[in-house]
Amino acid sequence: MSKEFNNIWNGIYANFSEAPRADDVFDSGPWLDKQANRIDDMRKDDRIISKTTSYALTPVLATMAGGHGPVRVLDFGGSLGTEYLAAQRGITVKNSLDFTIVENEAICARGNELFSEDPAIRFLSDMPEAHNAFDVVHAGSSIQYVDDWQGLLKTFSEFGPQYIILSEAVAGENPSFVTVQHWYGKSILARFLNMAELICYMEGLGYDLILRQNYISKSNGNGDPLPMENFPEEYRVQYSSNLVFRRL
């Protein structure tokens, strides 16, 4: 940690009147200059997008909790339920989720075993039937591994969700292309999408982009762009994205 941030807080007091303070901090020159410099930095490049280390699902679910019944969620590629637990532990409205995860058979078997006593979550190895309805469809770090990404998004829309959320979607100003991702000695096919093409397709399905954030993953945990120096510059994606689409 930088020395600048060592021992920011000192002392333990019962109330404001006991503690020493300066009343002019937030209208002082250094504070105002610091904020103005931050605004200048943001204005220098209108492509600057806010950054986050969390998926976009829980905040959206929190705004919907407490309505008429639990929020019905389809989490495509949701692994063993990490986003379910994150939402369950963060949202203070109890019994507010009805969660379906679509995964491979091995994960489904383990997930249904781990959550055998929790009726609010289930794991399916096949996509639910089209007549099922969901309030939110979420895909976290998964759409890039699906060959027919347009067909997948169309299927999502057919469930009639109010929101379709793509967390850690690998898309940018690059041309769309397929690459090979190396993971612990194994090779995985992955598609890097063109952001404008993705947004246009979602609009055609009746969904408007309302939130875009740069997602900071383990691949670029220090906040730097993704490690793609081995690609021609036009194919480099700076950051993966959290994208929230709302039904028009």
Protein backbone atom coordinates (compact mmCIF):
# COMPACT_ATOMS: atom_id res chain seq x y z
CA MET A 1 0.00 0.00 0.00
CA SER A 2 1.20 3.50 -0.81
CA LYS A 3 2.45 5.55 2.13
CA GLU A 4 -0.13 8.15 1.12
CA PHE A 5 -2.84 5.80 2.37
CA ASN A 6 -1.18 4.59 5.58
CA ASN A 7 -3.00 5.50 8.80
CA ILE A 8 -5.77 7.51 7.17
CA TRP A 9 -7.87 7.14 10.30
CA ASN A 10 -6.63 7.87 13.83
CA GLY A 11 -8.33 7.98 17.21
CA ILE A 12 -11.58 6.62 18.65
CA TYR A 13 -14.23 9.12 19.80
CA ALA A 14 -17.85 8.89 20.93
CA ASN A 15 -19.10 11.76 18.72
CA PHE A 16 -18.09 14.55 16.35
CA SER A 17 -17.72 17.16 19.09
CA GLU A 18 -14.94 15.25 20.84
CA ALA A 19 -12.76 14.77 17.76
CA PRO A 20 -10.39 17.34 16.26
CA ARG A 21 -11.42 18.40 12.77
CA ALA A 22 -11.00 20.93 9.99
CA ASP A 23 -14.27 22.38 8.69
CA ASP A 24 -12.94 23.69 5.39
CA VAL A 25 -11.63 20.48 3.78
CA PHE A 26 -14.35 20.08 1.15
CA ASP A 27 -14.21 23.67 -0.03
CA SER A 28 -10.44 23.94 0.08
CA GLY A 29 -8.18 24.42 -2.90
CA PRO A 30 -6.51 20.98 -2.77
CA TRP A 31 -9.85 19.14 -2.64
CA LEU A 32 -11.40 21.19 -5.44
CA ASP A 33 -8.27 20.87 -7.57
CA LYS A 34 -8.21 17.11 -7.07
CA GLN A 35 -11.84 16.78 -8.21
CA ALA A 36 -11.33 19.14 -11.15
CA ASN A 37 -8.27 17.17 -12.30
CA ARG A 38 -10.33 13.98 -12.17
CA ILE A 39 -13.00 15.57 -14.38
CA ASP A 40 -10.34 16.79 -16.80
CA ASP A 41 -8.88 13.28 -17.07
CA MET A 42 -12.31 11.80 -17.81
CA ARG A 43 -13.10 14.46 -20.43
CA LYS A 44 -9.85 13.95 -22.33
CA ASP A 45 -11.20 10.71 -23.75
CA ASP A 46 -14.96 10.29 -24.09
CA ARG A 47 -14.40 6.56 -24.52
CA ILE A 48 -13.46 6.19 -20.85
CA ILE A 49 -15.92 3.81 -19.23
CA SER A 50 -16.38 3.05 -15.55
CA LYS A 51 -14.64 -0.07 -14.26
CA THR A 52 -15.83 -2.83 -11.95
CA THR A 53 -14.59 -6.13 -10.55
CA SER A 54 -18.09 -7.56 -10.04
CA TYR A 55 -20.71 -8.93 -12.40
CA ALA A 56 -23.76 -6.77 -13.08
CA LEU A 57 -26.41 -9.25 -11.92
CA THR A 58 -26.89 -8.56 -8.21
CA PRO A 59 -27.58 -4.80 -8.45
CA VAL A 60 -30.25 -5.39 -11.10
CA LEU A 61 -31.89 -8.13 -9.04
CA ALA A 62 -31.86 -5.89 -5.97
CA THR A 63 -33.94 -3.26 -7.79
CA MET A 64 -36.52 -5.93 -8.66
CA ALA A 65 -36.71 -7.69 -5.29
CA GLY A 66 -39.82 -7.32 -3.19
CA GLY A 67 -42.25 -7.23 -6.10
CA HIS A 68 -44.92 -9.79 -6.85
CA GLY A 69 -43.16 -13.03 -6.00
CA PRO A 70 -39.49 -13.95 -6.39
CA VAL A 71 -37.45 -12.67 -9.32
CA ARG A 72 -37.13 -15.46 -11.89
CA VAL A 73 -33.52 -15.71 -13.07
CA LEU A 74 -31.93 -17.82 -15.79
CA ASP A 75 -28.14 -17.88 -15.40
CA PHE A 76 -26.56 -19.39 -18.51
CA GLY A 77 -23.15 -20.86 -17.73
CA GLY A 78 -23.60 -19.97 -14.07
CA SER A 79 -21.17 -22.64 -12.81
CA LEU A 80 -21.95 -23.89 -9.31
CA GLY A 81 -24.02 -20.89 -8.29
CA THR A 82 -21.53 -18.20 -7.32
CA GLU A 83 -23.77 -15.41 -8.62
CA TYR A 84 -26.77 -16.96 -6.86
CA LEU A 85 -24.97 -16.92 -3.53
CA ALA A 86 -23.64 -13.40 -4.14
CA ALA A 87 -27.17 -12.14 -4.84
CA GLN A 88 -28.73 -14.11 -2.01
CA ARG A 89 -26.27 -12.74 0.52
CA GLY A 90 -26.38 -9.19 -0.78
CA ILE A 91 -30.11 -8.65 -1.29
CA THR A 92 -31.83 -7.99 2.02
CA VAL A 93 -35.31 -8.95 0.80
CA LYS A 94 -35.65 -12.59 1.78
CA ASN A 95 -37.01 -15.29 -0.51
CA SER A 96 -36.69 -12.91 -3.45
CA LEU A 97 -35.02 -15.25 -5.96
CA ASP A 98 -36.03 -18.18 -8.12
CA PHE A 99 -32.80 -19.23 -9.81
CA THR A 100 -32.20 -21.61 -12.72
CA ILE A 101 -28.65 -22.36 -13.88
CA VAL A 102 -27.92 -23.95 -17.26
CA GLU A 103 -24.63 -25.81 -17.28
CA ASN A 104 -22.97 -29.02 -18.40
CA GLU A 105 -24.04 -32.31 -16.88
CA ALA A 106 -21.07 -32.62 -14.50
CA ILE A 107 -21.66 -29.17 -13.01
CA CYS A 108 -25.41 -29.78 -12.79
CA ALA A 109 -24.91 -33.02 -10.88
CA ARG A 110 -22.58 -31.33 -8.40
CA GLY A 111 -24.74 -28.22 -8.12
CA ASN A 112 -27.97 -30.10 -7.46
CA GLU A 113 -26.13 -32.04 -4.78
CA LEU A 114 -24.66 -28.94 -3.14
CA PHE A 115 -28.03 -27.14 -3.11
CA SER A 116 -30.25 -30.16 -2.52
CA GLU A 117 -31.94 -28.45 0.44
CA ASP A 118 -32.44 -25.08 -1.26
CA PRO A 119 -35.66 -24.98 -3.32
CA ALA A 120 -34.81 -21.56 -4.76
CA ILE A 121 -32.08 -22.86 -7.09
CA ARG A 122 -31.87 -25.67 -9.63
CA PHE A 123 -29.39 -26.81 -12.30
CA LEU A 124 -30.37 -27.89 -15.81
CA SER A 125 -28.15 -29.41 -18.49
CA ASP A 126 -30.56 -28.30 -21.25
CA MET A 127 -32.15 -24.94 -21.94
CA PRO A 128 -35.65 -24.67 -20.45
CA GLU A 129 -38.64 -25.04 -22.74
CA ALA A 130 -39.65 -21.88 -24.62
CA HIS A 131 -42.92 -21.55 -22.68
CA ASN A 132 -40.96 -20.81 -19.50
CA ALA A 133 -40.70 -17.16 -18.52
CA PHE A 134 -37.87 -15.37 -16.75
CA ASP A 135 -37.55 -11.82 -15.46
CA VAL A 136 -33.78 -11.71 -15.96
CA VAL A 137 -31.45 -13.74 -18.16
CA HIS A 138 -27.76 -13.56 -17.28
CA ALA A 139 -24.71 -14.91 -19.04
CA GLY A 140 -21.43 -14.42 -17.20
CA SER A 141 -18.21 -15.05 -19.16
CA SER A 142 -20.01 -17.58 -21.33
CA ILE A 143 -21.38 -16.14 -24.58
CA GLN A 144 -17.87 -16.03 -26.07
CA TYR A 145 -17.70 -19.83 -25.91
CA VAL A 146 -20.91 -20.38 -27.91
CA ASP A 147 -20.55 -20.68 -31.69
CA ASP A 148 -24.10 -19.55 -32.53
CA TRP A 149 -24.11 -16.48 -30.28
CA GLN A 150 -26.96 -14.87 -32.19
CA GLY A 151 -29.13 -17.95 -31.78
CA LEU A 152 -28.34 -17.98 -28.07
CA LEU A 153 -29.35 -14.35 -27.61
CA LYS A 154 -32.54 -14.93 -29.59
CA THR A 155 -33.38 -17.83 -27.26
CA PHE A 156 -32.76 -15.55 -24.28
CA SER A 157 -35.20 -12.98 -25.69
CA GLU A 158 -37.88 -15.62 -26.23
CA PHE A 159 -38.12 -16.13 -22.47
CA GLY A 160 -39.46 -12.55 -22.32
CA PRO A 161 -37.07 -11.16 -19.69
CA GLN A 162 -37.13 -7.52 -18.71
CA TYR A 163 -33.33 -7.58 -18.64
CA ILE A 164 -30.66 -9.53 -20.49
CA ILE A 165 -27.30 -9.15 -18.78
CA LEU A 166 -23.97 -10.12 -20.32
CA SER A 167 -21.23 -9.99 -17.71
CA GLU A 168 -17.59 -10.20 -18.73
CA ALA A 169 -18.55 -10.20 -22.41
CA VAL A 170 -15.48 -10.04 -24.64
CA ALA A 171 -16.41 -7.38 -27.16
CA GLY A 172 -14.86 -4.15 -28.38
CA GLU A 173 -14.13 -1.99 -31.39
CA ASN A 174 -12.32 -4.94 -33.00
CA PRO A 175 -13.61 -6.95 -35.95
CA SER A 176 -15.33 -10.10 -34.71
CA PHE A 177 -12.95 -13.08 -34.70
CA VAL A 178 -12.37 -16.49 -33.15
CA THR A 179 -9.25 -17.36 -31.18
CA VAL A 180 -7.89 -20.17 -29.01
CA GLN A 181 -7.81 -19.63 -25.27
CA HIS A 182 -5.25 -21.61 -23.27
CA TRP A 183 -6.37 -22.80 -19.85
CA TYR A 184 -4.23 -25.14 -17.71
CA GLY A 185 -2.85 -26.94 -20.74
CA LYS A 186 -6.20 -27.15 -22.53
CA SER A 187 -7.43 -25.19 -25.56
CA ILE A 188 -10.84 -23.51 -25.66
CA LEU A 189 -12.37 -21.80 -28.68
CA ALA A 190 -13.54 -18.26 -27.97
CA ARG A 191 -15.09 -15.49 -30.06
CA PHE A 192 -14.25 -11.83 -29.57
CA LEU A 193 -17.32 -9.90 -30.74
CA ASN A 194 -17.61 -6.48 -32.31
CA MET A 195 -19.46 -4.32 -29.79
CA ALA A 196 -21.47 -2.34 -32.35
CA GLU A 197 -22.60 -5.57 -34.02
CA LEU A 198 -23.64 -7.04 -30.68
CA ILE A 199 -25.60 -3.94 -29.65
CA CYS A 200 -27.29 -3.75 -33.07
CA TYR A 201 -28.37 -7.38 -32.85
CA MET A 202 -29.81 -6.87 -29.36
CA GLU A 203 -31.74 -3.84 -30.58
CA GLY A 204 -33.20 -6.03 -33.31
CA LEU A 205 -34.42 -8.38 -30.59
CA GLY A 206 -36.11 -5.47 -28.83
CA TYR A 207 -33.48 -4.69 -26.17
CA ASP A 208 -31.70 -1.42 -25.53
CA LEU A 209 -28.27 -1.13 -23.89
CA ILE A 210 -28.62 0.82 -20.63
CA LEU A 211 -25.32 0.04 -18.90
CA ARG A 212 -21.79 -0.63 -20.11
CA GLN A 213 -18.87 -1.10 -17.73
CA ASN A 214 -15.33 -2.32 -18.20
CA TYR A 215 -14.92 -5.55 -16.26
CA ILE A 216 -11.62 -6.12 -14.47
CA SER A 217 -10.88 -9.85 -14.36
CA LYS A 218 -8.00 -11.97 -13.08
CA SER A 219 -6.41 -11.56 -16.52
CA ASN A 220 -6.00 -7.83 -15.92
CA GLY A 221 -6.48 -7.61 -12.17
CA ASN A 222 -4.34 -4.49 -11.87
CA GLY A 223 -6.73 -2.58 -14.14
CA ASP A 224 -4.52 -2.64 -17.22
CA PRO A 225 -5.95 -3.65 -20.62
CA LEU A 226 -6.25 -7.34 -21.42
CA PRO A 227 -2.91 -9.01 -22.30
CA MET A 228 -3.27 -9.07 -26.08
CA GLU A 229 0.05 -7.58 -27.24
CA ASN A 230 0.55 -10.66 -29.44
CA PHE A 231 -2.43 -9.60 -31.62
CA PRO A 232 -2.45 -6.92 -34.33
CA GLU A 233 -3.64 -3.68 -32.75
CA GLU A 234 -7.00 -3.63 -34.55
CA TYR A 235 -7.91 -6.99 -32.97
CA ARG A 236 -7.03 -6.07 -29.39
CA VAL A 237 -9.90 -5.75 -26.94
CA GLN A 238 -8.97 -3.40 -24.13
CA TYR A 239 -11.42 -4.76 -21.55
CA SER A 240 -14.23 -7.27 -21.33
CA SER A 241 -17.58 -5.64 -20.52
CA ASN A 242 -20.61 -5.84 -18.29
CA LEU A 243 -23.61 -5.07 -20.51
CA VAL A 244 -27.16 -4.61 -19.27
CA PHE A 245 -29.92 -4.62 -21.90
CA ARG A 246 -33.52 -3.65 -21.06
CA ARG A 247 -36.56 -4.67 -23.04
CA LEU A 248 -37.95 -1.79 -25.08
